């Protein structure tokens, strides 16, 4: 089993719990900073890394939950065509 086997309904409690944990870790990191923990303190650094990981997990879970939503097409502009790269924006073989 992997993430593709989960339904959007099954993702709801996962996202809710990850969001709670992310928010708790952010509040903890903020309290530690306000209490004078230096950024170089191993515990404070670990809490910040845990908050970053939880935040990333929230993004990934939400992205996987919404995997059936099609992204908007990129507009046809000079930046999407990239004529300076050769091949009209396609990679060279």
Protein backbone atom coordinates (compact mmCIF):
# COMPACT_ATOMS: atom_id res chain seq x y z
CA UNK A 1 0.00 0.00 0.00
CA UNK A 2 1.11 3.55 -0.66
CA UNK A 3 -0.38 7.04 -0.76
CA UNK A 4 -2.23 6.36 -4.01
CA UNK A 5 -4.45 3.85 -2.23
CA UNK A 6 -5.83 6.44 0.21
CA UNK A 7 -9.03 8.31 -0.54
CA UNK A 8 -9.44 12.04 0.11
CA UNK A 9 -11.66 11.10 3.05
CA UNK A 10 -8.85 9.02 4.56
CA UNK A 11 -6.46 11.93 4.16
CA UNK A 12 -8.66 14.25 6.26
CA UNK A 13 -7.64 12.92 9.71
CA UNK A 14 -4.01 12.63 8.59
CA UNK A 15 -3.92 16.25 7.48
CA UNK A 16 -5.77 17.37 10.63
CA UNK A 17 -3.29 15.63 12.93
CA UNK A 18 -0.25 16.82 10.99
CA UNK A 19 -1.59 20.37 11.14
CA UNK A 20 -2.08 20.14 14.91
CA UNK A 21 1.46 18.84 15.41
CA UNK A 22 2.94 21.45 13.06
CA UNK A 23 1.16 24.26 14.90
CA UNK A 24 2.27 22.92 18.31
CA UNK A 25 5.90 22.70 17.18
CA UNK A 26 5.74 26.26 15.82
CA UNK A 27 4.38 27.56 19.12
CA UNK A 28 7.08 25.62 21.00
CA UNK A 29 9.85 26.99 18.78
CA UNK A 30 8.50 30.53 19.24
CA UNK A 31 8.33 30.10 23.02
CA UNK A 32 11.88 28.75 23.09
CA UNK A 33 13.14 31.71 21.06
CA UNK A 34 11.25 34.15 23.29
CA UNK A 35 12.75 32.46 26.37
CA UNK A 36 16.23 33.10 25.08
CA UNK A 37 17.19 29.76 23.55
CA UNK A 38 19.91 30.50 21.00
CA UNK A 39 19.40 29.19 17.48
CA UNK A 40 22.54 27.10 17.98
CA UNK A 41 21.04 25.24 20.96
CA UNK A 42 20.64 21.56 19.96
CA UNK A 43 17.15 21.23 21.45
CA UNK A 44 15.90 24.45 19.87
CA UNK A 45 17.42 23.46 16.51
CA UNK A 46 15.78 20.02 16.74
CA UNK A 47 12.38 21.58 17.45
CA UNK A 48 12.76 23.92 14.48
CA UNK A 49 13.74 20.99 12.22
CA UNK A 50 10.76 19.00 13.51
CA UNK A 51 8.46 21.94 12.75
CA UNK A 52 9.91 22.20 9.23
CA UNK A 53 9.44 18.46 8.69
CA UNK A 54 5.84 18.59 9.98
CA UNK A 55 5.14 21.56 7.73
CA UNK A 56 6.54 19.68 4.75
CA UNK A 57 4.45 16.62 5.65
CA UNK A 58 1.33 18.82 5.67
CA UNK A 59 2.12 20.11 2.19
CA UNK A 60 2.80 16.62 0.84
CA UNK A 61 -0.36 15.18 2.43
CA UNK A 62 -2.50 17.99 1.02
CA UNK A 63 -0.91 17.58 -2.40
CA UNK A 64 -1.52 13.83 -2.37
CA UNK A 65 -5.07 14.33 -1.13
CA UNK A 66 -5.77 16.68 -4.03
CA UNK A 67 -3.92 14.57 -6.61
CA UNK A 68 -6.98 14.40 -8.88
CA UNK A 69 -7.08 18.18 -9.22
CA UNK A 70 -5.47 19.17 -12.50
CA UNK A 71 -3.00 22.05 -12.34
CA UNK A 72 -3.70 25.11 -14.43
CA UNK A 73 -1.99 25.15 -17.79
CA UNK A 74 0.94 27.50 -18.06
CA UNK A 75 0.29 30.53 -20.24
CA UNK A 76 2.11 30.73 -23.56
CA UNK A 77 4.71 33.38 -22.80
CA UNK A 78 8.34 33.96 -23.61
CA UNK A 79 9.25 32.43 -20.24
CA UNK A 80 7.35 29.20 -20.90
CA UNK A 81 8.64 28.90 -24.47
CA UNK A 82 12.30 29.59 -23.52
CA UNK A 83 13.59 30.17 -27.06
CA UNK A 84 17.10 30.72 -25.70
CA UNK A 85 17.23 27.06 -24.65
CA UNK A 86 16.72 25.73 -28.16
CA UNK A 87 14.08 23.31 -29.34
CA UNK A 88 11.11 25.52 -28.50
CA UNK A 89 11.20 24.70 -24.81
CA UNK A 90 11.78 20.97 -25.28
CA UNK A 91 14.83 19.22 -23.95
CA UNK A 92 17.42 18.23 -26.49
CA UNK A 93 17.85 14.50 -27.03
